[in-house]
N, C-alpha and C. Protein backbone atom coordinates (compact mmCIF):
# COMPACT_ATOMS: atom_id res chain seq x y z
N UNK A 1 137.96 83.96 97.40
CA UNK A 1 138.85 82.43 98.15
C UNK A 1 139.36 81.94 99.76
N UNK A 2 140.21 83.34 99.21
CA UNK A 2 141.40 83.28 100.38
C UNK A 2 140.75 84.12 101.88
N UNK A 3 139.15 84.65 101.61
CA UNK A 3 138.90 84.90 102.60
C UNK A 3 137.48 83.54 103.26
N UNK A 4 137.45 82.91 102.40
CA UNK A 4 136.26 81.38 102.98
C UNK A 4 137.29 80.61 102.89
N UNK A 5 138.51 80.17 102.66
CA UNK A 5 139.65 79.73 102.97
C UNK A 5 140.19 79.65 104.44
N UNK A 6 140.09 81.40 105.05
CA UNK A 6 140.60 81.31 106.32
C UNK A 6 139.33 81.44 107.17
N UNK A 7 138.48 81.32 107.29
CA UNK A 7 137.41 81.51 107.52
C UNK A 7 137.58 79.79 108.08
N UNK A 8 137.75 78.42 106.91
CA UNK A 8 137.41 78.29 107.17
C UNK A 8 138.34 77.05 107.85
N UNK A 9 139.36 77.62 107.66
CA UNK A 9 140.22 76.99 108.38
C UNK A 9 140.39 77.25 110.28
N UNK A 10 140.13 78.62 110.77
CA UNK A 10 139.67 79.06 111.20
C UNK A 10 138.37 78.30 112.05
N UNK A 11 137.10 77.67 112.04
CA UNK A 11 136.32 77.38 112.54
C UNK A 11 135.93 75.58 112.41
N UNK A 12 137.49 75.81 111.21
CA UNK A 12 137.29 73.96 111.58
C UNK A 12 138.17 72.58 112.03
N UNK A 13 139.06 73.53 112.24
CA UNK A 13 140.43 73.38 112.88
C UNK A 13 140.79 73.06 114.73
N UNK A 14 140.99 72.70 115.30
CA UNK A 14 141.02 72.87 116.33
C UNK A 14 141.79 74.05 117.05
N UNK A 15 143.55 73.98 116.28
CA UNK A 15 144.72 74.63 116.96
C UNK A 15 144.48 75.21 115.15
N UNK A 16 143.92 76.47 114.39
CA UNK A 16 144.22 76.48 113.37
C UNK A 16 146.20 76.81 113.93
N UNK A 17 146.21 77.87 114.46
CA UNK A 17 147.13 78.67 114.22
C UNK A 17 148.54 77.51 115.02
N UNK A 18 148.79 76.11 115.00
CA UNK A 18 149.93 75.75 115.86
C UNK A 18 151.13 75.60 114.65
N UNK A 19 151.03 75.17 113.76
CA UNK A 19 152.05 75.47 112.70
C UNK A 19 152.36 76.67 111.93
N UNK A 20 153.59 76.21 111.85
CA UNK A 20 154.46 77.36 110.70
C UNK A 20 153.23 77.60 109.57
N UNK A 21 153.42 76.01 109.47
CA UNK A 21 152.46 76.45 107.96
C UNK A 21 151.14 76.29 107.54
N UNK A 22 150.64 76.78 108.97
CA UNK A 22 148.94 77.06 109.22
C UNK A 22 149.51 78.44 109.67
N UNK A 23 150.07 79.06 109.72
CA UNK A 23 150.65 80.73 110.46
C UNK A 23 150.61 81.10 109.03
N UNK A 24 152.00 80.69 107.99
CA UNK A 24 151.80 81.46 106.55
C UNK A 24 151.04 80.86 105.87
N UNK A 25 149.94 80.41 105.82
CA UNK A 25 149.15 80.31 104.64
C UNK A 25 147.93 81.58 104.95
N UNK A 26 148.35 81.71 106.93
CA UNK A 26 146.81 82.95 106.84
C UNK A 26 147.27 83.56 106.81
N UNK A 27 148.84 84.59 107.17
CA UNK A 27 148.98 85.44 106.94
C UNK A 27 149.26 85.63 105.25
N UNK A 28 149.21 84.72 104.67
CA UNK A 28 148.95 84.78 103.12
C UNK A 28 147.69 85.17 102.02
N UNK A 29 146.91 84.73 103.08
CA UNK A 29 145.43 85.09 102.73
C UNK A 29 144.46 86.42 103.66
N UNK A 30 145.35 86.58 105.09
CA UNK A 30 145.45 88.03 105.37
C UNK A 30 146.07 89.01 104.47
N UNK A 31 147.07 88.77 103.65
CA UNK A 31 147.28 89.90 103.01
C UNK A 31 146.91 89.82 101.77
N UNK A 32 145.99 88.99 100.92
CA UNK A 32 145.11 89.14 99.95
C UNK A 32 144.28 89.84 99.95
N UNK A 33 143.30 89.36 101.46
CA UNK A 33 142.15 90.21 101.99
C UNK A 33 142.83 91.70 101.50
N UNK A 34 143.72 91.77 102.73
CA UNK A 34 143.66 93.29 102.59
C UNK A 34 144.02 94.03 101.10
N UNK A 35 144.57 93.43 100.84
CA UNK A 35 145.29 93.74 99.67
C UNK A 35 143.86 93.51 97.84
N UNK A 36 142.88 93.34 98.17
CA UNK A 36 141.55 93.00 97.38
C UNK A 36 140.17 94.23 98.06
N UNK A 37 140.19 94.36 99.25
CA UNK A 37 140.30 95.81 100.37
C UNK A 37 140.23 97.08 99.57
N UNK A 38 141.56 96.48 99.69
CA UNK A 38 141.82 98.05 99.12
C UNK A 38 141.90 98.51 97.88
N UNK A 39 142.19 97.10 96.50
CA UNK A 39 141.37 97.46 95.58
C UNK A 39 139.87 98.13 95.46
N UNK A 40 139.23 97.29 95.98
CA UNK A 40 138.00 97.52 96.01
C UNK A 40 137.49 99.31 96.22
N UNK A 41 138.33 99.35 97.31
CA UNK A 41 137.76 100.94 98.33
C UNK A 41 138.88 101.72 96.84
N UNK A 42 139.10 101.71 96.10
CA UNK A 42 139.93 102.70 95.15
C UNK A 42 139.15 102.74 94.17
N UNK A 43 138.98 101.73 93.73
CA UNK A 43 137.54 101.32 92.53
C UNK A 43 136.25 102.88 92.99
N UNK A 44 135.22 101.78 94.40
CA UNK A 44 134.56 102.55 94.66
C UNK A 44 134.98 103.43 94.32
N UNK A 45 135.63 104.71 94.93
CA UNK A 45 136.09 106.03 95.25
C UNK A 45 136.25 106.57 93.49
N UNK A 46 137.01 105.75 93.04
CA UNK A 46 137.66 106.30 91.83
C UNK A 46 136.19 106.45 90.97
N UNK A 47 134.77 105.68 91.16
CA UNK A 47 133.93 105.43 90.59
C UNK A 47 132.86 106.45 90.61
N UNK A 48 132.80 106.78 92.13
CA UNK A 48 133.05 108.35 93.12
C UNK A 48 132.73 109.16 92.24
N UNK A 49 134.56 109.68 91.59
CA UNK A 49 134.77 110.63 91.37
C UNK A 49 134.20 111.06 90.08
N UNK A 50 134.02 110.32 89.21
CA UNK A 50 134.21 110.46 87.68
C UNK A 50 132.44 110.26 87.66
N UNK A 51 131.38 109.63 88.52
CA UNK A 51 130.24 110.52 88.15
C UNK A 51 130.24 112.16 88.96
N UNK A 52 131.04 112.23 89.57
CA UNK A 52 130.83 113.85 90.39
C UNK A 52 131.72 114.11 89.23
N UNK A 53 132.28 114.03 88.24
CA UNK A 53 133.16 114.61 87.02
C UNK A 53 131.73 114.91 86.21
N UNK A 54 131.58 113.86 86.15
CA UNK A 54 130.46 113.98 84.83
C UNK A 54 129.63 114.62 85.48
N UNK A 55 128.90 114.68 86.25
CA UNK A 55 128.18 115.94 86.73
C UNK A 55 128.59 116.92 86.93
N UNK A 56 129.50 117.74 86.95
CA UNK A 56 129.68 118.50 87.20
C UNK A 56 130.15 118.82 88.80
N UNK A 57 130.25 118.12 89.84
CA UNK A 57 129.91 118.01 90.85
C UNK A 57 131.47 118.08 91.41
N UNK A 58 132.56 117.90 91.04
CA UNK A 58 133.68 117.72 91.52
C UNK A 58 135.23 118.33 91.39
N UNK A 59 135.89 118.88 92.25
CA UNK A 59 136.45 120.96 92.94
C UNK A 59 137.57 119.38 92.51
N UNK A 60 138.66 120.60 91.97
CA UNK A 60 139.68 120.49 92.12
C UNK A 60 140.76 121.12 93.60
N UNK A 61 141.53 120.88 93.92
CA UNK A 61 142.18 121.48 95.15
C UNK A 61 143.71 121.69 94.45
N UNK A 62 143.74 123.14 93.54
CA UNK A 62 144.99 122.87 93.01
C UNK A 62 145.82 123.22 94.56
N UNK A 63 147.63 122.33 94.37
CA UNK A 63 148.20 123.49 95.39
C UNK A 63 149.99 122.68 95.01
N UNK A 64 150.59 123.30 95.36
CA UNK A 64 152.08 122.42 94.88
C UNK A 64 152.55 121.49 95.37
N UNK A 65 153.51 121.23 93.85
CA UNK A 65 153.12 119.95 94.40
C UNK A 65 154.76 119.12 93.81
N UNK A 66 155.40 118.98 94.31
CA UNK A 66 156.66 118.00 93.83
C UNK A 66 157.21 116.48 93.05
N UNK A 67 157.43 117.29 91.65
CA UNK A 67 157.05 116.19 90.87
C UNK A 67 157.82 114.35 91.09
N UNK A 68 159.20 115.12 92.12
CA UNK A 68 159.67 113.68 92.03
C UNK A 68 159.49 113.70 92.69
N UNK A 69 159.38 113.66 94.69
CA UNK A 69 158.46 113.36 95.65
C UNK A 69 157.61 112.36 95.23
N UNK A 70 156.39 113.01 94.79
CA UNK A 70 154.84 113.40 94.73
C UNK A 70 154.36 111.53 93.63
N UNK A 71 155.75 112.46 92.35
CA UNK A 71 154.83 111.34 91.45
C UNK A 71 156.26 110.60 91.08
N UNK A 72 157.28 110.80 90.94
CA UNK A 72 158.27 110.00 89.71
C UNK A 72 158.33 108.92 91.09
N UNK A 73 159.03 109.76 92.34
CA UNK A 73 159.67 108.03 93.39
C UNK A 73 158.53 107.43 93.11
N UNK A 74 157.17 107.08 93.78
CA UNK A 74 156.08 106.97 94.07
C UNK A 74 155.80 104.90 92.69
N UNK A 75 156.22 105.96 91.39
CA UNK A 75 155.97 104.99 90.62
C UNK A 75 157.49 104.47 90.40
N UNK A 76 158.29 104.16 90.86
CA UNK A 76 159.62 103.30 90.26
C UNK A 76 159.63 102.89 92.21
N UNK A 77 158.80 102.87 92.93
CA UNK A 77 159.15 101.92 93.84
C UNK A 77 157.95 100.95 93.30
N UNK A 78 157.43 101.01 93.27
CA UNK A 78 156.20 100.41 92.35
C UNK A 78 156.72 99.42 91.44
N UNK A 79 157.03 100.29 90.98
CA UNK A 79 158.36 99.60 89.17
C UNK A 79 159.58 98.78 90.07
N UNK A 80 159.72 98.72 90.93
CA UNK A 80 160.67 98.49 92.14
C UNK A 80 160.30 97.29 92.65
N UNK A 81 159.42 97.06 93.76
CA UNK A 81 158.07 96.47 94.01
C UNK A 81 157.85 95.23 92.84
N UNK A 82 157.77 95.32 91.52
CA UNK A 82 157.07 94.43 91.32
C UNK A 82 158.37 94.33 90.58
N UNK A 83 159.39 94.36 89.40
CA UNK A 83 159.98 93.82 88.27
C UNK A 83 161.34 93.73 89.18
N UNK A 84 161.71 94.50 90.10
CA UNK A 84 163.24 94.56 90.58
C UNK A 84 164.44 93.47 90.45
N UNK A 85 163.60 91.96 89.78
CA UNK A 85 164.46 91.16 89.55
C UNK A 85 164.78 91.43 87.57
N UNK A 86 164.16 92.09 87.45
CA UNK A 86 164.23 92.34 86.12
C UNK A 86 164.78 93.60 85.31
N UNK A 87 164.98 93.86 85.69
CA UNK A 87 165.92 95.70 85.33
C UNK A 87 166.65 96.14 86.77
N UNK A 88 166.80 97.72 86.25
CA UNK A 88 167.02 98.02 87.68
C UNK A 88 166.71 99.75 87.24
N UNK A 89 165.79 99.99 88.66
CA UNK A 89 164.67 101.36 87.98
C UNK A 89 166.32 102.82 88.69
N UNK A 90 165.91 103.66 87.84
CA UNK A 90 166.67 104.93 88.05
C UNK A 90 165.87 105.84 88.11
N UNK A 91 165.64 107.07 88.25
CA UNK A 91 164.85 108.18 88.41
C UNK A 91 165.31 109.62 88.57
N UNK A 92 165.56 109.85 86.63
CA UNK A 92 166.12 111.33 87.51
C UNK A 92 164.52 112.61 87.03
N UNK A 93 165.30 113.01 88.13
CA UNK A 93 164.48 115.02 87.63
C UNK A 93 164.78 115.74 87.31
N UNK A 94 165.21 116.23 86.11
CA UNK A 94 165.65 118.02 85.63
C UNK A 94 164.39 119.12 85.00
N UNK A 95 164.35 119.93 85.94
CA UNK A 95 165.61 120.32 87.64
C UNK A 95 164.59 119.73 88.34
N UNK A 96 165.54 118.67 89.64
CA UNK A 96 165.31 118.76 90.63
C UNK A 96 164.65 119.35 91.85
N UNK A 97 164.19 120.77 91.44
CA UNK A 97 162.93 120.91 92.01
C UNK A 97 161.19 121.68 91.17
N UNK A 98 161.49 120.53 90.45
CA UNK A 98 160.59 120.67 90.19
C UNK A 98 159.34 120.79 90.33
N UNK A 99 158.31 121.97 90.51
CA UNK A 99 156.91 121.76 91.15
C UNK A 99 155.56 121.95 89.94
N UNK A 100 154.78 121.36 90.20
CA UNK A 100 153.73 121.79 89.68
C UNK A 100 152.56 122.18 89.81
N UNK A 101 151.33 122.52 89.49
CA UNK A 101 150.02 123.31 90.65
C UNK A 101 149.36 121.57 90.10
N UNK A 102 148.63 121.86 91.19
CA UNK A 102 148.22 120.16 90.94
C UNK A 102 147.08 120.28 91.83
N UNK A 103 145.71 118.82 91.67
CA UNK A 103 145.10 117.94 92.44
C UNK A 103 145.63 116.83 93.63
N UNK A 104 146.22 116.85 94.54
CA UNK A 104 147.45 116.18 95.04
C UNK A 104 146.48 114.41 94.97
N UNK A 105 145.51 114.42 96.05
CA UNK A 105 144.85 113.64 95.92
C UNK A 105 143.98 112.54 93.98
N UNK A 106 144.00 113.54 93.56
CA UNK A 106 143.55 113.15 91.80
C UNK A 106 144.85 112.73 91.56
N UNK A 107 146.40 113.19 91.84
CA UNK A 107 147.30 112.70 90.99
C UNK A 107 147.39 110.93 91.28
N UNK A 108 147.56 111.12 93.07
CA UNK A 108 147.77 109.47 93.89
C UNK A 108 146.77 108.89 92.91
N UNK A 109 145.23 109.05 92.40
CA UNK A 109 144.84 107.93 91.70
C UNK A 109 144.98 107.24 90.51
N UNK A 110 145.96 108.12 90.30
CA UNK A 110 146.40 107.62 88.97
C UNK A 110 147.85 107.28 89.03
N UNK A 111 148.34 107.69 89.46
CA UNK A 111 149.17 107.39 89.61
C UNK A 111 149.20 105.76 91.10
C-alpha cells in the first residue's frame, strides 16, 4: 500500500515534494518499503536455509563468537529501540570475554 501511495503521489502531483507534509509522507513510505524489502529478503534467505538444512546441504562455518558483542548487544539495542519508553535495558555478560564456537550468519538470523 505504501509503495502504491508513493507512486500515486509522484505521478499525480505536479510538484509532489513541494510541502514538508508531502516530503514527510514520502520519507515514511520509503522507510516502510525498505523495511518490507528487508523482511522479504530475510524471509527468502531463511526459507532457502531451511530447505538446505532439510536436504542436508547446509554447511555451518564455526568460528569464535563474542557472546556480548555478537548476541547480547544487538538484542539489547533491538529491545531498546522498540520498548525504550517501557523499561530500561541493562546488559551484563559474566565472564565479560565469553566466546563460543558458532556460525555467525546463522546466529544473526536468529537474533
